[in-house]
N, C-alpha and C. Protein backbone atom coordinates (compact mmCIF):
# COMPACT_ATOMS: atom_id res chain seq x y z
N UNK A 1 -14.55 44.93 -55.43
CA UNK A 1 -15.88 45.08 -56.60
C UNK A 1 -15.45 46.66 -57.06
N UNK A 2 -16.48 45.79 -58.17
CA UNK A 2 -16.46 46.39 -59.90
C UNK A 2 -17.41 47.81 -59.86
N UNK A 3 -16.59 48.59 -60.15
CA UNK A 3 -17.17 50.12 -60.10
C UNK A 3 -18.46 50.17 -61.32
N UNK A 4 -18.39 49.15 -62.82
CA UNK A 4 -19.76 48.87 -63.58
C UNK A 4 -21.15 48.77 -63.48
N UNK A 5 -22.07 48.85 -63.71
CA UNK A 5 -23.40 48.70 -63.46
C UNK A 5 -23.77 47.93 -63.89
N UNK A 6 -25.04 46.34 -64.26
CA UNK A 6 -25.78 45.48 -64.95
C UNK A 6 -24.08 45.18 -66.87
N UNK A 7 -25.13 45.23 -67.52
CA UNK A 7 -23.97 44.57 -69.07
C UNK A 7 -22.94 45.64 -69.81
N UNK A 8 -22.27 45.50 -70.53
CA UNK A 8 -21.20 45.74 -71.07
C UNK A 8 -21.77 45.97 -71.99
N UNK A 9 -21.12 47.66 -72.72
CA UNK A 9 -21.45 48.47 -73.80
C UNK A 9 -20.91 47.12 -74.73
N UNK A 10 -21.51 47.30 -76.34
CA UNK A 10 -21.02 46.58 -76.76
C UNK A 10 -20.37 46.82 -77.91
N UNK A 11 -19.39 46.17 -78.33
CA UNK A 11 -17.90 46.16 -79.08
C UNK A 11 -18.93 47.38 -80.56
N UNK A 12 -18.26 48.08 -80.72
CA UNK A 12 -18.98 48.10 -81.88
C UNK A 12 -17.92 47.28 -83.16
N UNK A 13 -19.43 47.61 -84.45
CA UNK A 13 -19.17 46.54 -85.76
C UNK A 13 -17.89 47.34 -86.49
N UNK A 14 -17.84 45.65 -87.09
CA UNK A 14 -16.66 45.77 -88.05
C UNK A 14 -17.23 46.29 -89.31
N UNK A 15 -16.58 47.68 -89.39
CA UNK A 15 -17.21 48.51 -91.46
C UNK A 15 -16.92 48.41 -92.26
N UNK A 16 -16.12 47.08 -92.56
CA UNK A 16 -15.97 46.84 -94.39
C UNK A 16 -17.51 46.03 -94.57
N UNK A 17 -17.61 45.85 -95.69
CA UNK A 17 -19.26 45.60 -96.19
C UNK A 17 -19.22 43.95 -96.41
N UNK A 18 -20.94 44.06 -96.19
CA UNK A 18 -20.54 41.98 -95.58
C UNK A 18 -20.39 41.56 -97.26
N UNK A 19 -20.15 39.88 -97.60
CA UNK A 19 -20.47 39.25 -98.32
C UNK A 19 -20.87 39.44 -99.53
N UNK A 20 -21.55 39.22 -100.50
CA UNK A 20 -22.17 39.38 -101.17
C UNK A 20 -23.07 37.96 -101.37
N UNK A 21 -25.16 37.41 -101.46
CA UNK A 21 -24.95 36.49 -101.54
C UNK A 21 -24.59 36.16 -102.58
N UNK A 22 -25.15 34.52 -102.93
CA UNK A 22 -24.21 33.30 -103.78
C UNK A 22 -25.69 33.50 -104.92
N UNK A 23 -25.27 33.66 -106.24
CA UNK A 23 -26.42 34.20 -107.41
C UNK A 23 -26.22 32.77 -108.29
N UNK A 24 -24.74 31.30 -108.41
CA UNK A 24 -24.85 30.68 -109.43
C UNK A 24 -24.70 29.73 -108.62
N UNK A 25 -25.69 28.36 -108.74
CA UNK A 25 -25.15 26.71 -108.25
C UNK A 25 -25.27 26.17 -109.36
N UNK A 26 -23.37 25.00 -109.01
CA UNK A 26 -23.21 24.72 -110.32
C UNK A 26 -22.93 23.55 -109.83
N UNK A 27 -23.80 22.20 -110.66
CA UNK A 27 -23.87 20.81 -109.65
C UNK A 27 -22.74 20.06 -111.82
N UNK A 28 -21.63 19.76 -110.43
CA UNK A 28 -20.59 19.22 -112.09
C UNK A 28 -19.76 17.73 -111.74
N UNK A 29 -19.47 16.79 -112.70
CA UNK A 29 -18.73 16.33 -112.12
C UNK A 29 -17.26 16.78 -112.11
N UNK A 30 -16.24 15.63 -110.71
CA UNK A 30 -15.39 16.50 -110.42
C UNK A 30 -14.16 14.94 -109.87
N UNK A 31 -13.90 14.23 -111.44
CA UNK A 31 -12.69 13.46 -110.93
C UNK A 31 -13.76 12.36 -110.48
N UNK A 32 -15.53 11.88 -111.28
CA UNK A 32 -15.65 10.86 -111.45
C UNK A 32 -17.17 10.56 -109.59
N UNK A 33 -16.90 12.20 -109.26
CA UNK A 33 -17.78 13.12 -108.39
C UNK A 33 -17.99 13.89 -107.78
N UNK A 34 -19.64 13.47 -107.91
CA UNK A 34 -20.33 15.12 -108.00
C UNK A 34 -19.83 16.22 -107.46
N UNK A 35 -19.70 17.36 -108.07
CA UNK A 35 -19.67 18.14 -106.60
C UNK A 35 -20.65 19.54 -107.33
N UNK A 36 -21.06 20.51 -106.12
CA UNK A 36 -21.91 21.29 -105.96
C UNK A 36 -21.22 22.16 -105.62
N UNK A 37 -21.06 23.52 -106.90
CA UNK A 37 -20.16 24.43 -106.32
C UNK A 37 -21.01 26.70 -106.00
N UNK A 38 -20.61 26.63 -105.07
CA UNK A 38 -21.58 27.79 -105.53
C UNK A 38 -20.61 29.32 -105.35
N UNK A 39 -21.39 30.35 -106.27
CA UNK A 39 -20.75 31.45 -107.22
C UNK A 39 -21.39 32.33 -106.61
N UNK A 40 -19.88 33.58 -106.94
CA UNK A 40 -21.18 35.04 -106.21
C UNK A 40 -21.28 35.73 -107.99
N UNK A 41 -21.90 36.99 -108.10
CA UNK A 41 -22.79 36.84 -108.68
C UNK A 41 -20.98 37.53 -110.31
N UNK A 42 -20.72 37.01 -109.20
CA UNK A 42 -19.24 37.76 -110.76
C UNK A 42 -18.50 36.34 -110.83
N UNK A 43 -19.47 35.45 -110.70
CA UNK A 43 -18.94 34.01 -110.85
C UNK A 43 -17.34 33.36 -110.12
N UNK A 44 -17.18 34.49 -108.59
CA UNK A 44 -16.00 33.86 -108.69
C UNK A 44 -16.68 32.65 -107.05
N UNK A 45 -16.12 31.51 -106.90
CA UNK A 45 -15.88 31.01 -106.33
C UNK A 45 -16.23 31.13 -104.79
N UNK A 46 -17.62 30.90 -104.12
CA UNK A 46 -18.10 30.98 -102.99
C UNK A 46 -17.41 29.40 -102.24
N UNK A 47 -18.45 28.03 -102.80
CA UNK A 47 -17.94 27.60 -101.74
C UNK A 47 -18.00 26.33 -102.42
N UNK A 48 -18.03 25.38 -102.43
CA UNK A 48 -17.77 23.58 -103.08
C UNK A 48 -18.23 23.00 -101.81
N UNK A 49 -19.31 22.02 -101.55
CA UNK A 49 -19.48 20.22 -101.43
C UNK A 49 -19.03 19.73 -102.14
N UNK A 50 -19.71 18.15 -100.99
CA UNK A 50 -20.49 17.39 -101.61
C UNK A 50 -21.72 17.21 -102.68
N UNK A 51 -22.51 17.47 -104.05
CA UNK A 51 -23.39 17.43 -104.29
C UNK A 51 -24.68 16.15 -103.98
N UNK A 52 -24.49 15.64 -102.63
CA UNK A 52 -25.03 14.28 -102.88
C UNK A 52 -25.78 14.89 -101.32
N UNK A 53 -25.38 16.32 -100.92
CA UNK A 53 -26.10 15.94 -99.34
C UNK A 53 -27.51 17.08 -99.83
N UNK A 54 -27.85 16.36 -98.20
CA UNK A 54 -30.12 17.50 -98.57
C UNK A 54 -30.05 18.76 -98.79
N UNK A 55 -28.88 19.44 -98.22
CA UNK A 55 -28.84 20.96 -98.73
C UNK A 55 -28.54 21.25 -100.44
N UNK A 56 -28.21 20.49 -100.73
CA UNK A 56 -27.95 21.07 -102.66
C UNK A 56 -29.61 20.25 -103.02
N UNK A 57 -30.34 19.81 -102.78
CA UNK A 57 -32.05 19.44 -102.25
C UNK A 57 -32.92 20.48 -101.97
N UNK A 58 -32.90 21.17 -101.28
CA UNK A 58 -32.48 22.30 -101.14
C UNK A 58 -33.40 24.12 -101.20
N UNK A 59 -32.06 24.21 -101.77
CA UNK A 59 -31.70 24.66 -102.70
C UNK A 59 -31.95 24.88 -103.70
N UNK A 60 -32.38 23.74 -104.59
CA UNK A 60 -32.63 24.12 -105.95
C UNK A 60 -34.26 23.28 -105.85
N UNK A 61 -34.85 23.44 -105.34
CA UNK A 61 -36.18 23.21 -105.03
C UNK A 61 -36.51 24.41 -105.99
N UNK A 62 -37.99 23.70 -106.96
CA UNK A 62 -38.45 24.31 -107.75
C UNK A 62 -37.92 25.05 -108.39
N UNK A 63 -36.58 24.78 -108.71
CA UNK A 63 -35.79 25.39 -109.68
C UNK A 63 -35.54 24.80 -111.00
N UNK A 64 -35.51 25.63 -111.88
CA UNK A 64 -34.84 24.37 -112.96
C UNK A 64 -33.55 24.62 -114.00
N UNK A 65 -33.17 23.95 -114.22
CA UNK A 65 -31.49 23.71 -114.19
C UNK A 65 -30.99 24.44 -116.41
N UNK A 66 -30.23 24.92 -116.39
CA UNK A 66 -29.10 25.61 -117.39
C UNK A 66 -28.97 23.98 -117.47
N UNK A 67 -28.69 23.76 -118.56
CA UNK A 67 -27.45 22.02 -118.59
C UNK A 67 -26.18 22.87 -119.75
N UNK A 68 -25.36 22.73 -118.79
CA UNK A 68 -23.95 23.06 -119.36
C UNK A 68 -23.95 25.02 -119.25
N UNK A 69 -22.42 24.24 -119.15
CA UNK A 69 -21.86 26.06 -118.37
C UNK A 69 -20.59 26.28 -119.43
N UNK A 70 -20.84 25.85 -120.82
CA UNK A 70 -19.55 26.37 -121.49
C UNK A 70 -19.31 27.56 -121.78
N UNK A 71 -20.24 28.21 -121.75
CA UNK A 71 -20.08 30.08 -121.44
C UNK A 71 -18.49 30.57 -121.49
N UNK A 72 -18.48 31.56 -122.05
CA UNK A 72 -17.54 32.27 -121.68
C UNK A 72 -17.46 32.65 -120.47
N UNK A 73 -18.26 33.02 -120.22
CA UNK A 73 -18.36 33.21 -118.73
C UNK A 73 -18.40 32.18 -117.70
N UNK A 74 -17.26 31.27 -118.17
CA UNK A 74 -17.88 30.36 -116.75
C UNK A 74 -15.97 29.68 -116.99
N UNK A 75 -16.24 29.88 -118.00
CA UNK A 75 -14.33 29.99 -118.41
C UNK A 75 -13.41 30.18 -116.96
N UNK A 76 -12.99 30.94 -116.54
CA UNK A 76 -11.68 30.81 -115.24
C UNK A 76 -12.68 30.27 -114.54
N UNK A 77 -13.97 30.47 -114.28
CA UNK A 77 -14.78 29.30 -113.11
C UNK A 77 -14.49 28.68 -112.94
N UNK A 78 -14.71 28.28 -114.04
CA UNK A 78 -14.33 26.19 -114.41
C UNK A 78 -13.18 26.08 -114.92
N UNK A 79 -11.98 26.94 -115.25
CA UNK A 79 -11.23 26.16 -115.55
C UNK A 79 -10.29 24.54 -115.53
N UNK A 80 -10.92 24.29 -114.45
CA UNK A 80 -10.09 22.99 -114.04
C UNK A 80 -11.06 21.52 -114.21
N UNK A 81 -11.98 22.21 -114.74
CA UNK A 81 -13.05 21.57 -115.65
C UNK A 81 -12.96 20.52 -117.11
N UNK A 82 -13.26 20.07 -117.68
CA UNK A 82 -12.74 19.73 -119.48
C UNK A 82 -13.90 19.90 -119.62
N UNK A 83 -14.55 19.85 -121.13
CA UNK A 83 -15.34 20.14 -121.59
C UNK A 83 -16.79 19.07 -121.79
N UNK A 84 -16.86 17.90 -121.32
CA UNK A 84 -17.26 17.27 -121.00
C UNK A 84 -17.82 17.17 -119.94
N UNK A 85 -16.77 17.82 -118.59
CA UNK A 85 -18.10 17.85 -117.24
C UNK A 85 -18.85 18.94 -117.80
N UNK A 86 -18.14 20.25 -118.11
CA UNK A 86 -18.76 21.40 -118.61
C UNK A 86 -20.48 21.20 -118.91
N UNK A 87 -19.83 20.66 -120.55
CA UNK A 87 -21.32 20.32 -121.06
C UNK A 87 -22.06 19.45 -120.29
N UNK A 88 -21.99 19.04 -119.04
CA UNK A 88 -22.70 18.54 -118.71
C UNK A 88 -23.49 18.70 -117.13
N UNK A 89 -23.20 19.93 -117.31
CA UNK A 89 -23.20 20.25 -115.54
C UNK A 89 -24.19 21.04 -115.89
N UNK A 90 -25.08 20.96 -114.60
CA UNK A 90 -26.81 21.60 -114.20
C UNK A 90 -26.21 23.13 -112.97
N UNK A 91 -26.51 24.36 -114.24
CA UNK A 91 -26.11 25.37 -113.31
C UNK A 91 -28.06 26.11 -112.52
N UNK A 92 -27.70 26.29 -111.50
CA UNK A 92 -28.84 27.24 -111.28
C UNK A 92 -28.68 28.36 -110.68
N UNK A 93 -29.72 28.90 -111.17
CA UNK A 93 -29.56 30.64 -110.72
C UNK A 93 -30.30 30.90 -109.06
N UNK A 94 -30.11 31.24 -108.37
CA UNK A 94 -30.57 31.27 -107.20
C UNK A 94 -30.68 33.25 -107.21
N UNK A 95 -31.93 32.11 -106.49
CA UNK A 95 -33.56 33.23 -105.86
C UNK A 95 -32.28 33.93 -104.85
N UNK A 96 -32.31 36.04 -105.45
CA UNK A 96 -31.75 36.43 -104.11
C UNK A 96 -32.62 37.08 -103.04
């Protein structure tokens, strides 16, 4: 029989910092299909998925996108896309 009573003591939490929240949602053509790419405030890619999912509609509800991701701040983040795809991209700035 065990000598412990009640619930086990919770383990210590991970002391590392939490991940930053995403700041930008970019809907862009990628080889004939639309993809949604989530970026951190530093424009580092956090996630990529099909842009036709319902979650994209929910995330962008009430937001007005900027058309085009042609600025130098997007050069590294969208380096796999050509100029035409980047010019037609929709950039949503998500509230934090």
